[in-house]
Amino acid sequence: QVQLVESGGGLVQPGGSLRLSCATSGIIFSSSNMFWYRQAPGKQREFVAVMSKGGITSYANAVKGRFTISRDNAKITVYLQMNSLKPEDTAVYYCNAQIGVSTYWGQGTQVTVSS
């Protein structure tokens, strides 16, 4: 059974930082491309960042230079370090694993940026 469990969300002031984690089980993590997406209220889910199984990263323009995705294959966990947070970063953040034609989602973790 595949499980992706996000953690690390919360309430933070503008300019602050958070680190999200996504612990996985039931997948061949080292063979998976790992993504972070987010969905703000009333908006569609959008791409945030990806780290391929080979370690190549890509980011949405809105977060480039502020967010960093990383992975620990030994801990089968992917991370999203978020710095210089803005109110417009407020959303539910989802972890996603893609292996071949299969895709798996976590349940999401809420990030709220507000003073």
C-alpha atoms as a PDB file:
ATOM      1  CA  GLN A   1       0.000   0.000   0.000  1.00  0.00           C
ATOM      2  CA  VAL A   2       1.398   3.328  -1.088  1.00  0.00           C
ATOM      3  CA  GLN A   3       1.391   6.159   1.434  1.00  0.00           C
ATOM      4  CA  LEU A   4       2.668   9.710   1.165  1.00  0.00           C
ATOM      5  CA  VAL A   5       2.364  11.673   4.399  1.00  0.00           C
ATOM      6  CA  GLU A   6       3.109  15.387   4.448  1.00  0.00           C
ATOM      7  CA  SER A   7       4.011  17.309   7.588  1.00  0.00           C
ATOM      8  CA  GLY A   8       5.531  20.616   8.606  1.00  0.00           C
ATOM      9  CA  GLY A   9       2.800  23.024   7.605  1.00  0.00           C
ATOM     10  CA  GLY A  10       1.476  25.750   9.840  1.00  0.00           C
ATOM     11  CA  LEU A  11       1.012  29.457  10.351  1.00  0.00           C
ATOM     12  CA  VAL A  12       3.997  31.712   9.657  1.00  0.00           C
ATOM     13  CA  GLN A  13       4.486  35.449   9.301  1.00  0.00           C
ATOM     14  CA  PRO A  14       5.464  36.993   5.980  1.00  0.00           C
ATOM     15  CA  GLY A  15       9.201  36.650   5.472  1.00  0.00           C
ATOM     16  CA  GLY A  16       9.343  33.514   7.589  1.00  0.00           C
ATOM     17  CA  SER A  17      10.353  29.979   6.733  1.00  0.00           C
ATOM     18  CA  LEU A  18       8.885  26.501   6.887  1.00  0.00           C
ATOM     19  CA  ARG A  19      10.185  23.082   5.953  1.00  0.00           C
ATOM     20  CA  LEU A  20       7.716  20.559   4.641  1.00  0.00           C
ATOM     21  CA  SER A  21       8.396  16.836   4.694  1.00  0.00           C
ATOM     22  CA  CYS A  22       6.793  14.005   2.763  1.00  0.00           C
ATOM     23  CA  ALA A  23       7.446  10.565   4.162  1.00  0.00           C
ATOM     24  CA  THR A  24       6.731   7.753   1.756  1.00  0.00           C
ATOM     25  CA  SER A  25       6.109   4.036   1.934  1.00  0.00           C
ATOM     26  CA  GLY A  26       5.136   1.364  -0.538  1.00  0.00           C
ATOM     27  CA  ILE A  27       6.993   2.878  -3.497  1.00  0.00           C
ATOM     28  CA  ILE A  28      10.444   2.429  -4.966  1.00  0.00           C
ATOM     29  CA  PHE A  29      11.447   5.890  -3.843  1.00  0.00           C
ATOM     30  CA  SER A  30      14.794   5.952  -5.606  1.00  0.00           C
ATOM     31  CA  SER A  31      13.017   5.327  -8.929  1.00  0.00           C
ATOM     32  CA  SER A  32      10.365   7.996  -8.352  1.00  0.00           C
ATOM     33  CA  ASN A  33      10.193  11.559  -9.575  1.00  0.00           C
ATOM     34  CA  MET A  34       8.992  13.580  -6.588  1.00  0.00           C
ATOM     35  CA  PHE A  35       6.853  16.693  -6.844  1.00  0.00           C
ATOM     36  CA  TRP A  36       5.310  19.351  -4.659  1.00  0.00           C
ATOM     37  CA  TYR A  37       2.067  20.990  -5.712  1.00  0.00           C
ATOM     38  CA  ARG A  38      -0.153  23.491  -3.951  1.00  0.00           C
ATOM     39  CA  GLN A  39      -3.762  24.566  -4.060  1.00  0.00           C
ATOM     40  CA  ALA A  40      -4.979  27.902  -2.777  1.00  0.00           C
ATOM     41  CA  PRO A  41      -8.657  28.478  -1.910  1.00  0.00           C
ATOM     42  CA  GLY A  42     -10.722  28.877  -5.067  1.00  0.00           C
ATOM     43  CA  LYS A  43      -7.795  28.074  -7.346  1.00  0.00           C
ATOM     44  CA  GLN A  44      -6.587  25.069  -9.271  1.00  0.00           C
ATOM     45  CA  ARG A  45      -3.799  22.897  -7.973  1.00  0.00           C
ATOM     46  CA  GLU A  46      -0.477  24.146  -9.338  1.00  0.00           C
ATOM     47  CA  PHE A  47       3.031  22.834  -9.715  1.00  0.00           C
ATOM     48  CA  VAL A  48       5.597  24.079  -7.203  1.00  0.00           C
ATOM     49  CA  ALA A  49       8.748  22.000  -7.572  1.00  0.00           C
ATOM     50  CA  VAL A  50      10.119  18.673  -8.773  1.00  0.00           C
ATOM     51  CA  MET A  51      13.190  16.620  -8.102  1.00  0.00           C
ATOM     52  CA  SER A  52      13.752  13.783 -10.541  1.00  0.00           C
ATOM     53  CA  LYS A  53      15.051  10.387  -9.516  1.00  0.00           C
ATOM     54  CA  GLY A  54      18.359  11.578 -10.892  1.00  0.00           C
ATOM     55  CA  GLY A  55      18.408  14.702  -8.742  1.00  0.00           C
ATOM     56  CA  ILE A  56      17.445  17.278 -11.353  1.00  0.00           C
ATOM     57  CA  THR A  57      15.261  20.057  -9.978  1.00  0.00           C
ATOM     58  CA  SER A  58      12.806  22.507 -11.460  1.00  0.00           C
ATOM     59  CA  TYR A  59      10.657  25.195  -9.857  1.00  0.00           C
ATOM     60  CA  ALA A  60       7.637  27.302 -10.628  1.00  0.00           C
ATOM     61  CA  ASN A  61       8.599  30.887 -11.381  1.00  0.00           C
ATOM     62  CA  ALA A  62       6.606  32.095  -8.379  1.00  0.00           C
ATOM     63  CA  VAL A  63       8.860  30.224  -5.929  1.00  0.00           C
ATOM     64  CA  LYS A  64      12.196  30.187  -7.732  1.00  0.00           C
ATOM     65  CA  GLY A  65      14.973  31.454  -5.500  1.00  0.00           C
ATOM     66  CA  ARG A  66      12.876  31.078  -2.343  1.00  0.00           C
ATOM     67  CA  PHE A  67      11.966  27.369  -2.214  1.00  0.00           C
ATOM     68  CA  THR A  68      14.311  24.382  -2.347  1.00  0.00           C
ATOM     69  CA  ILE A  69      13.295  20.792  -2.948  1.00  0.00           C
ATOM     70  CA  SER A  70      15.479  17.966  -1.710  1.00  0.00           C
ATOM     71  CA  ARG A  71      15.246  14.251  -1.127  1.00  0.00           C
ATOM     72  CA  ASP A  72      16.795  11.670   1.136  1.00  0.00           C
ATOM     73  CA  ASN A  73      16.649   8.271  -0.529  1.00  0.00           C
ATOM     74  CA  ALA A  74      17.768   6.544   2.661  1.00  0.00           C
ATOM     75  CA  LYS A  75      14.865   8.066   4.597  1.00  0.00           C
ATOM     76  CA  ILE A  76      12.533   7.778   1.568  1.00  0.00           C
ATOM     77  CA  THR A  77      11.474  11.346   2.239  1.00  0.00           C
ATOM     78  CA  VAL A  78      11.229  14.478   0.121  1.00  0.00           C
ATOM     79  CA  TYR A  79      11.462  17.981   1.570  1.00  0.00           C
ATOM     80  CA  LEU A  80      10.459  21.479   0.589  1.00  0.00           C
ATOM     81  CA  GLN A  81      12.361  24.290   2.287  1.00  0.00           C
ATOM     82  CA  MET A  82      10.354  27.476   1.956  1.00  0.00           C
ATOM     83  CA  ASN A  83      12.013  30.807   2.738  1.00  0.00           C
ATOM     84  CA  SER A  84      10.880  34.417   2.395  1.00  0.00           C
ATOM     85  CA  LEU A  85       7.284  33.305   2.523  1.00  0.00           C
ATOM     86  CA  LYS A  86       4.592  35.593   1.168  1.00  0.00           C
ATOM     87  CA  PRO A  87       0.844  35.711   1.833  1.00  0.00           C
ATOM     88  CA  GLU A  88       0.289  34.435  -1.702  1.00  0.00           C
ATOM     89  CA  ASP A  89       2.099  31.227  -0.735  1.00  0.00           C
ATOM     90  CA  THR A  90      -0.877  30.342   1.456  1.00  0.00           C
ATOM     91  CA  ALA A  91      -2.242  27.009   0.228  1.00  0.00           C
ATOM     92  CA  VAL A  92      -2.534  23.325   0.929  1.00  0.00           C
ATOM     93  CA  TYR A  93       0.733  21.739  -0.167  1.00  0.00           C
ATOM     94  CA  TYR A  94       0.657  18.246  -1.651  1.00  0.00           C
ATOM     95  CA  CYS A  95       3.400  15.718  -2.211  1.00  0.00           C
ATOM     96  CA  ASN A  96       3.249  13.696  -5.430  1.00  0.00           C
ATOM     97  CA  ALA A  97       5.215  10.664  -6.588  1.00  0.00           C
ATOM     98  CA  GLN A  98       5.395   9.631 -10.231  1.00  0.00           C
ATOM     99  CA  ILE A  99       6.777   6.256 -11.238  1.00  0.00           C
ATOM    100  CA  GLY A 100       6.293   5.361 -14.871  1.00  0.00           C
ATOM    101  CA  VAL A 101       2.578   5.807 -15.583  1.00  0.00           C
ATOM    102  CA  SER A 102       1.592   5.673 -11.916  1.00  0.00           C
ATOM    103  CA  THR A 103       1.053   8.732  -9.763  1.00  0.00           C
ATOM    104  CA  TYR A 104       0.367   8.972  -6.051  1.00  0.00           C
ATOM    105  CA  TRP A 105      -0.735  11.864  -3.835  1.00  0.00           C
ATOM    106  CA  GLY A 106      -0.496  12.703  -0.182  1.00  0.00           C
ATOM    107  CA  GLN A 107      -3.324  14.206   1.834  1.00  0.00           C
ATOM    108  CA  GLY A 108      -1.782  17.671   1.954  1.00  0.00           C
ATOM    109  CA  THR A 109      -0.566  20.038   4.654  1.00  0.00           C
ATOM    110  CA  GLN A 110      -1.859  23.567   5.190  1.00  0.00           C
ATOM    111  CA  VAL A 111       0.539  26.493   4.965  1.00  0.00           C
ATOM    112  CA  THR A 112      -0.796  29.877   6.007  1.00  0.00           C
ATOM    113  CA  VAL A 113       1.308  33.016   5.654  1.00  0.00           C
ATOM    114  CA  SER A 114      -0.216  35.885   7.573  1.00  0.00           C
ATOM    115  CA  SER A 115       0.676  38.583  10.060  1.00  0.00           C
END
